């Protein structure tokens, strides 16, 4: 099934069903984002505990982002 097929199938739903579908998809996306954040935080904590993380100032981080370091 392609994305286009899914969009076309959603057109066959009533407005209430479409709104319910949108709500379900928004909740699922939010959950995936929360799960990814939890994984990132756990990874960062692990790196910190093993000494793999380094302390940086905001200025240092911004210089790195700008490619000035």
Protein backbone atom coordinates (compact mmCIF):
# COMPACT_ATOMS: atom_id res chain seq x y z
CA UNK A 1 0.00 0.00 0.00
CA UNK A 2 1.42 3.40 -0.95
CA UNK A 3 1.09 6.71 0.82
CA UNK A 4 -1.26 7.84 -1.93
CA UNK A 5 -3.44 4.77 -1.33
CA UNK A 6 -3.65 5.61 2.36
CA UNK A 7 -4.58 9.23 1.68
CA UNK A 8 -7.23 8.10 -0.80
CA UNK A 9 -8.61 5.61 1.74
CA UNK A 10 -8.77 8.38 4.36
CA UNK A 11 -10.93 10.39 1.94
CA UNK A 12 -13.52 7.62 2.18
CA UNK A 13 -13.83 8.11 5.95
CA UNK A 14 -16.39 10.40 7.53
CA UNK A 15 -15.16 13.69 8.95
CA UNK A 16 -15.43 12.28 12.48
CA UNK A 17 -13.38 9.24 11.50
CA UNK A 18 -10.78 11.45 9.82
CA UNK A 19 -10.50 13.57 12.98
CA UNK A 20 -10.14 10.43 15.07
CA UNK A 21 -7.44 9.15 12.71
CA UNK A 22 -5.56 12.45 12.92
CA UNK A 23 -5.70 12.31 16.73
CA UNK A 24 -4.41 8.74 16.78
CA UNK A 25 -1.53 9.62 14.44
CA UNK A 26 -0.62 12.70 16.49
CA UNK A 27 -0.51 10.64 19.70
CA UNK A 28 1.63 7.95 18.04
CA UNK A 29 4.05 10.55 16.69
CA UNK A 30 4.26 12.21 20.12
CA UNK A 31 4.98 8.83 21.73
CA UNK A 32 7.75 8.07 19.22
CA UNK A 33 9.28 11.48 19.89
CA UNK A 34 9.12 10.91 23.66
CA UNK A 35 10.66 7.45 23.27
CA UNK A 36 13.49 8.89 21.15
CA UNK A 37 14.11 11.60 23.75
CA UNK A 38 14.24 9.02 26.55
CA UNK A 39 16.81 7.00 24.54
CA UNK A 40 18.89 10.12 23.86
CA UNK A 41 18.87 11.14 27.52
CA UNK A 42 19.83 7.62 28.63
CA UNK A 43 22.67 7.58 26.10
CA UNK A 44 23.90 11.01 27.23
CA UNK A 45 23.79 9.95 30.90
CA UNK A 46 25.74 6.82 30.06
CA UNK A 47 28.37 8.85 28.21
CA UNK A 48 28.61 11.25 31.14
CA UNK A 49 29.01 8.43 33.67
CA UNK A 50 31.77 6.78 31.63
CA UNK A 51 33.61 10.05 31.11
CA UNK A 52 32.90 10.20 27.39
CA UNK A 53 31.08 13.54 27.67
CA UNK A 54 32.90 16.82 27.99
CA UNK A 55 31.84 20.01 29.69
CA UNK A 56 31.30 22.91 27.29
CA UNK A 57 30.06 26.44 27.60
CA UNK A 58 27.22 27.74 25.47
CA UNK A 59 29.78 29.80 23.56
CA UNK A 60 31.87 26.70 22.82
CA UNK A 61 28.82 24.84 21.58
CA UNK A 62 27.73 27.74 19.36
CA UNK A 63 31.26 28.03 17.94
CA UNK A 64 31.17 24.32 17.14
CA UNK A 65 27.74 24.63 15.50
CA UNK A 66 29.00 27.55 13.39
CA UNK A 67 32.12 25.59 12.48
CA UNK A 68 34.39 28.07 14.23
CA UNK A 69 36.18 25.60 16.46
